Amino acid sequence: MAAGFANPLPYVYKREYGDIRNIKSNFFNKRLAVAKNLYRRDLVCHFGCVNAIEFSSNGELLVSAILDKGKPEPMKGLHQSNVFCLGITNDNQKIYSGGNDDIVS
């Protein structure tokens, strides 16, 4: 592995010898800064806690489970508790959700 910000060896060395201040966040931030294949975009449609997100297998769709009563696209089936798990079929025709209420819809 080439030397640079993305090299984990200096962080492993620091961890082993007790210098553990901000190792995890520094390593992640430096890896993210040099990653050229990642995209970053702000989502402005939510006004509450986002409990789960899922991308379609082709990467074109994003679904999210939120606590607010926003407008994006309400589910046909309602959960009685928070949703923490989402899934999208490979043909992008159905979205499944699972929550604390033991319901999969």
N, C-alpha and C. Protein backbone atom coordinates (compact mmCIF):
# COMPACT_ATOMS: atom_id res chain seq x y z
N MET A 1 0.85 -1.18 0.00
CA MET A 1 0.00 0.00 0.00
C MET A 1 0.89 1.23 0.00
N ALA A 2 0.54 2.19 -0.82
CA ALA A 2 1.33 3.41 -0.93
C ALA A 2 1.19 4.26 0.33
N ALA A 3 2.24 5.00 0.60
CA ALA A 3 2.20 5.90 1.75
C ALA A 3 1.23 7.04 1.46
N GLY A 4 0.61 7.56 2.48
CA GLY A 4 -0.31 8.68 2.29
C GLY A 4 -1.41 8.65 3.32
N PHE A 5 -2.40 9.50 3.10
CA PHE A 5 -3.49 9.63 4.06
C PHE A 5 -4.31 8.35 4.20
N ALA A 6 -4.40 7.56 3.14
CA ALA A 6 -5.26 6.38 3.17
C ALA A 6 -4.56 5.17 3.78
N ASN A 7 -3.30 5.27 4.10
CA ASN A 7 -2.54 4.16 4.64
C ASN A 7 -2.91 3.95 6.11
N PRO A 8 -3.41 2.77 6.48
CA PRO A 8 -3.84 2.55 7.86
C PRO A 8 -2.69 2.23 8.83
N LEU A 9 -1.50 1.93 8.34
CA LEU A 9 -0.43 1.49 9.22
C LEU A 9 -0.04 2.51 10.30
N PRO A 10 0.07 3.80 9.99
CA PRO A 10 0.39 4.74 11.08
C PRO A 10 -0.67 4.75 12.19
N TYR A 11 -1.92 4.53 11.82
CA TYR A 11 -2.99 4.51 12.81
C TYR A 11 -2.93 3.25 13.67
N VAL A 12 -2.59 2.12 13.05
CA VAL A 12 -2.42 0.88 13.81
C VAL A 12 -1.27 1.03 14.79
N TYR A 13 -0.16 1.61 14.34
CA TYR A 13 1.00 1.83 15.20
C TYR A 13 0.62 2.71 16.40
N LYS A 14 -0.08 3.80 16.14
CA LYS A 14 -0.49 4.70 17.23
C LYS A 14 -1.43 3.99 18.21
N ARG A 15 -2.32 3.17 17.67
CA ARG A 15 -3.25 2.45 18.54
C ARG A 15 -2.50 1.48 19.45
N GLU A 16 -1.52 0.77 18.88
CA GLU A 16 -0.77 -0.22 19.65
C GLU A 16 0.08 0.42 20.74
N TYR A 17 0.52 1.63 20.52
CA TYR A 17 1.40 2.28 21.49
C TYR A 17 0.70 3.36 22.31
N GLY A 18 -0.62 3.30 22.35
CA GLY A 18 -1.38 4.10 23.29
C GLY A 18 -1.78 5.49 22.85
N ASP A 19 -1.41 5.92 21.67
CA ASP A 19 -1.80 7.25 21.20
C ASP A 19 -3.10 7.11 20.43
N ILE A 20 -4.23 7.07 21.15
CA ILE A 20 -5.50 6.73 20.52
C ILE A 20 -6.44 7.92 20.36
N ARG A 21 -5.94 9.13 20.48
CA ARG A 21 -6.80 10.31 20.35
C ARG A 21 -7.31 10.44 18.92
N ASN A 22 -8.60 10.38 18.76
CA ASN A 22 -9.28 10.63 17.48
C ASN A 22 -8.79 9.75 16.33
N ILE A 23 -8.27 8.58 16.63
CA ILE A 23 -7.75 7.71 15.57
C ILE A 23 -8.84 7.37 14.56
N LYS A 24 -9.98 6.92 15.07
CA LYS A 24 -11.05 6.47 14.18
C LYS A 24 -11.54 7.60 13.29
N SER A 25 -11.87 8.74 13.87
CA SER A 25 -12.40 9.84 13.06
C SER A 25 -11.35 10.42 12.12
N ASN A 26 -10.10 10.53 12.58
CA ASN A 26 -9.05 11.04 11.69
C ASN A 26 -8.82 10.12 10.51
N PHE A 27 -8.76 8.81 10.77
CA PHE A 27 -8.54 7.85 9.69
C PHE A 27 -9.69 7.91 8.68
N PHE A 28 -10.93 7.90 9.18
CA PHE A 28 -12.08 7.94 8.29
C PHE A 28 -12.10 9.23 7.48
N ASN A 29 -11.89 10.36 8.13
CA ASN A 29 -11.92 11.64 7.43
C ASN A 29 -10.84 11.74 6.36
N LYS A 30 -9.66 11.24 6.64
CA LYS A 30 -8.58 11.29 5.65
C LYS A 30 -8.85 10.33 4.50
N ARG A 31 -9.39 9.15 4.80
CA ARG A 31 -9.75 8.21 3.73
C ARG A 31 -10.83 8.80 2.84
N LEU A 32 -11.82 9.43 3.45
CA LEU A 32 -12.92 10.04 2.70
C LEU A 32 -12.42 11.19 1.84
N ALA A 33 -11.47 11.95 2.35
CA ALA A 33 -10.96 13.11 1.61
C ALA A 33 -10.24 12.71 0.33
N VAL A 34 -9.60 11.55 0.31
CA VAL A 34 -8.85 11.14 -0.88
C VAL A 34 -9.64 10.19 -1.78
N ALA A 35 -10.83 9.76 -1.35
CA ALA A 35 -11.64 8.84 -2.14
C ALA A 35 -12.26 9.59 -3.32
N LYS A 36 -11.92 9.18 -4.51
CA LYS A 36 -12.43 9.84 -5.71
C LYS A 36 -13.70 9.19 -6.25
N ASN A 37 -14.05 8.01 -5.74
CA ASN A 37 -15.20 7.29 -6.28
C ASN A 37 -16.45 7.43 -5.41
N LEU A 38 -16.44 8.32 -4.44
CA LEU A 38 -17.60 8.50 -3.57
C LEU A 38 -18.31 9.80 -3.92
N TYR A 39 -19.61 9.79 -3.72
CA TYR A 39 -20.41 10.98 -3.97
C TYR A 39 -20.99 11.46 -2.65
N ARG A 40 -21.18 12.74 -2.57
CA ARG A 40 -21.74 13.32 -1.36
C ARG A 40 -22.77 14.36 -1.76
N ARG A 41 -23.94 14.26 -1.16
CA ARG A 41 -25.00 15.20 -1.48
C ARG A 41 -25.90 15.35 -0.26
N ASP A 42 -26.34 16.57 -0.02
CA ASP A 42 -27.27 16.82 1.08
C ASP A 42 -28.68 16.47 0.65
N LEU A 43 -29.40 15.78 1.52
CA LEU A 43 -30.81 15.49 1.29
C LEU A 43 -31.61 16.48 2.11
N VAL A 44 -32.48 17.21 1.46
CA VAL A 44 -33.19 18.29 2.15
C VAL A 44 -34.67 17.98 2.38
N CYS A 45 -35.09 16.74 2.22
CA CYS A 45 -36.52 16.44 2.34
C CYS A 45 -36.91 15.94 3.73
N HIS A 46 -35.95 15.67 4.60
CA HIS A 46 -36.28 15.15 5.93
C HIS A 46 -36.13 16.22 7.00
N PHE A 47 -37.03 16.16 7.96
CA PHE A 47 -37.00 17.11 9.07
C PHE A 47 -36.99 16.38 10.40
N GLY A 48 -36.57 15.14 10.40
CA GLY A 48 -36.51 14.34 11.62
C GLY A 48 -35.40 13.33 11.51
N CYS A 49 -35.37 12.42 12.45
CA CYS A 49 -34.34 11.40 12.52
C CYS A 49 -34.51 10.39 11.39
N VAL A 50 -33.44 10.08 10.68
CA VAL A 50 -33.44 9.05 9.64
C VAL A 50 -32.96 7.76 10.29
N ASN A 51 -33.83 6.75 10.33
CA ASN A 51 -33.50 5.49 10.99
C ASN A 51 -32.88 4.47 10.07
N ALA A 52 -33.17 4.53 8.78
CA ALA A 52 -32.63 3.54 7.85
C ALA A 52 -32.61 4.11 6.44
N ILE A 53 -31.61 3.72 5.67
CA ILE A 53 -31.57 4.04 4.25
C ILE A 53 -31.16 2.79 3.49
N GLU A 54 -31.56 2.71 2.25
CA GLU A 54 -31.20 1.58 1.40
C GLU A 54 -31.14 2.05 -0.04
N PHE A 55 -30.11 1.63 -0.74
CA PHE A 55 -29.97 1.91 -2.17
C PHE A 55 -30.42 0.70 -2.96
N SER A 56 -30.98 0.94 -4.14
CA SER A 56 -31.32 -0.16 -5.04
C SER A 56 -30.04 -0.80 -5.55
N SER A 57 -30.15 -2.01 -6.07
CA SER A 57 -28.95 -2.73 -6.51
C SER A 57 -28.22 -2.02 -7.65
N ASN A 58 -28.94 -1.25 -8.46
CA ASN A 58 -28.29 -0.51 -9.54
C ASN A 58 -27.86 0.89 -9.11
N GLY A 59 -28.16 1.27 -7.88
CA GLY A 59 -27.74 2.55 -7.34
C GLY A 59 -28.58 3.74 -7.77
N GLU A 60 -29.69 3.52 -8.47
CA GLU A 60 -30.50 4.62 -8.97
C GLU A 60 -31.54 5.11 -7.96
N LEU A 61 -31.96 4.25 -7.05
CA LEU A 61 -33.00 4.62 -6.09
C LEU A 61 -32.44 4.63 -4.67
N LEU A 62 -32.99 5.51 -3.87
CA LEU A 62 -32.67 5.58 -2.45
C LEU A 62 -33.98 5.65 -1.69
N VAL A 63 -34.17 4.77 -0.72
CA VAL A 63 -35.34 4.84 0.15
C VAL A 63 -34.86 5.08 1.57
N SER A 64 -35.70 5.73 2.36
CA SER A 64 -35.32 6.04 3.73
C SER A 64 -36.51 5.87 4.66
N ALA A 65 -36.21 5.55 5.90
CA ALA A 65 -37.22 5.46 6.95
C ALA A 65 -36.96 6.59 7.93
N ILE A 66 -37.98 7.42 8.16
CA ILE A 66 -37.81 8.62 8.96
C ILE A 66 -38.89 8.71 10.03
N LEU A 67 -38.66 9.56 11.01
CA LEU A 67 -39.64 9.77 12.07
C LEU A 67 -40.57 10.94 11.81
N ASP A 68 -40.25 11.80 10.86
CA ASP A 68 -41.13 12.94 10.61
C ASP A 68 -42.32 12.53 9.74
N LYS A 69 -43.27 13.37 9.60
CA LYS A 69 -44.46 13.10 8.79
C LYS A 69 -44.38 13.85 7.47
N GLY A 70 -43.22 13.80 6.85
CA GLY A 70 -42.98 14.55 5.62
C GLY A 70 -43.77 14.05 4.44
N LYS A 71 -43.63 14.71 3.33
CA LYS A 71 -44.41 14.43 2.13
C LYS A 71 -43.77 13.45 1.15
N PRO A 72 -42.50 13.07 1.23
CA PRO A 72 -41.87 12.38 0.11
C PRO A 72 -42.72 11.28 -0.55
N GLU A 73 -42.97 10.18 0.10
CA GLU A 73 -43.82 9.12 -0.44
C GLU A 73 -44.20 8.21 0.71
N PRO A 74 -45.41 8.35 1.23
CA PRO A 74 -45.80 7.53 2.37
C PRO A 74 -45.95 6.06 1.99
N MET A 75 -45.75 5.20 2.98
CA MET A 75 -45.89 3.77 2.77
C MET A 75 -47.37 3.39 2.70
N LYS A 76 -47.65 2.31 1.99
CA LYS A 76 -49.03 1.81 1.93
C LYS A 76 -49.41 1.12 3.23
N GLY A 77 -48.47 0.37 3.80
CA GLY A 77 -48.72 -0.28 5.08
C GLY A 77 -48.06 0.53 6.19
N LEU A 78 -48.75 0.65 7.30
CA LEU A 78 -48.21 1.45 8.39
C LEU A 78 -47.63 0.56 9.48
N HIS A 79 -46.53 1.00 10.02
CA HIS A 79 -45.93 0.32 11.16
C HIS A 79 -46.45 0.96 12.44
N GLN A 80 -46.47 0.17 13.50
CA GLN A 80 -46.88 0.67 14.80
C GLN A 80 -45.69 1.18 15.62
N SER A 81 -44.49 1.03 15.08
CA SER A 81 -43.28 1.45 15.78
C SER A 81 -42.25 1.87 14.74
N ASN A 82 -41.07 2.25 15.19
CA ASN A 82 -40.03 2.74 14.29
C ASN A 82 -39.55 1.68 13.31
N VAL A 83 -39.24 2.10 12.09
CA VAL A 83 -38.68 1.24 11.06
C VAL A 83 -37.16 1.38 11.09
N PHE A 84 -36.46 0.25 11.18
CA PHE A 84 -35.01 0.28 11.22
C PHE A 84 -34.36 -0.55 10.12
N CYS A 85 -35.16 -1.15 9.24
CA CYS A 85 -34.60 -2.00 8.19
C CYS A 85 -35.40 -1.82 6.91
N LEU A 86 -34.70 -1.68 5.79
CA LEU A 86 -35.34 -1.50 4.49
C LEU A 86 -34.70 -2.44 3.48
N GLY A 87 -35.47 -2.80 2.47
CA GLY A 87 -34.96 -3.61 1.37
C GLY A 87 -35.71 -3.28 0.09
N ILE A 88 -35.02 -3.39 -1.03
CA ILE A 88 -35.62 -3.13 -2.35
C ILE A 88 -35.39 -4.37 -3.20
N THR A 89 -36.44 -4.82 -3.89
CA THR A 89 -36.28 -5.97 -4.78
C THR A 89 -35.36 -5.61 -5.94
N ASN A 90 -34.74 -6.61 -6.54
CA ASN A 90 -33.79 -6.37 -7.64
C ASN A 90 -34.42 -5.68 -8.84
N ASP A 91 -35.73 -5.87 -9.05
CA ASP A 91 -36.39 -5.20 -10.18
C ASP A 91 -36.93 -3.82 -9.80
N ASN A 92 -36.65 -3.37 -8.58
CA ASN A 92 -37.06 -2.05 -8.08
C ASN A 92 -38.57 -1.85 -8.04
N GLN A 93 -39.33 -2.92 -7.96
CA GLN A 93 -40.79 -2.82 -7.96
C GLN A 93 -41.39 -2.79 -6.56
N LYS A 94 -40.67 -3.32 -5.56
CA LYS A 94 -41.21 -3.38 -4.21
C LYS A 94 -40.15 -2.95 -3.20
N ILE A 95 -40.64 -2.31 -2.15
CA ILE A 95 -39.81 -1.92 -1.03
C ILE A 95 -40.35 -2.62 0.21
N TYR A 96 -39.48 -3.25 0.96
CA TYR A 96 -39.87 -3.92 2.19
C TYR A 96 -39.28 -3.16 3.37
N SER A 97 -40.02 -3.19 4.47
CA SER A 97 -39.55 -2.51 5.68
C SER A 97 -39.81 -3.40 6.89
N GLY A 98 -38.94 -3.29 7.86
CA GLY A 98 -39.09 -4.01 9.12
C GLY A 98 -38.91 -3.06 10.28
N GLY A 99 -39.73 -3.26 11.30
CA GLY A 99 -39.66 -2.33 12.43
C GLY A 99 -39.66 -3.03 13.77
N ASN A 100 -39.67 -2.22 14.82
CA ASN A 100 -39.71 -2.73 16.18
C ASN A 100 -41.02 -3.43 16.51
N ASP A 101 -42.02 -3.27 15.66
CA ASP A 101 -43.32 -3.88 15.90
C ASP A 101 -43.41 -5.31 15.36
N ASP A 102 -42.28 -5.87 14.91
CA ASP A 102 -42.21 -7.23 14.36
C ASP A 102 -43.05 -7.40 13.10
N ILE A 103 -43.29 -6.32 12.38
CA ILE A 103 -44.04 -6.36 11.13
C ILE A 103 -43.08 -6.13 9.97
N VAL A 104 -43.22 -6.93 8.92
CA VAL A 104 -42.51 -6.70 7.67
C VAL A 104 -43.56 -6.35 6.64
N SER A 105 -43.43 -5.19 6.04
CA SER A 105 -44.43 -4.79 5.05
C SER A 105 -43.75 -4.34 3.78
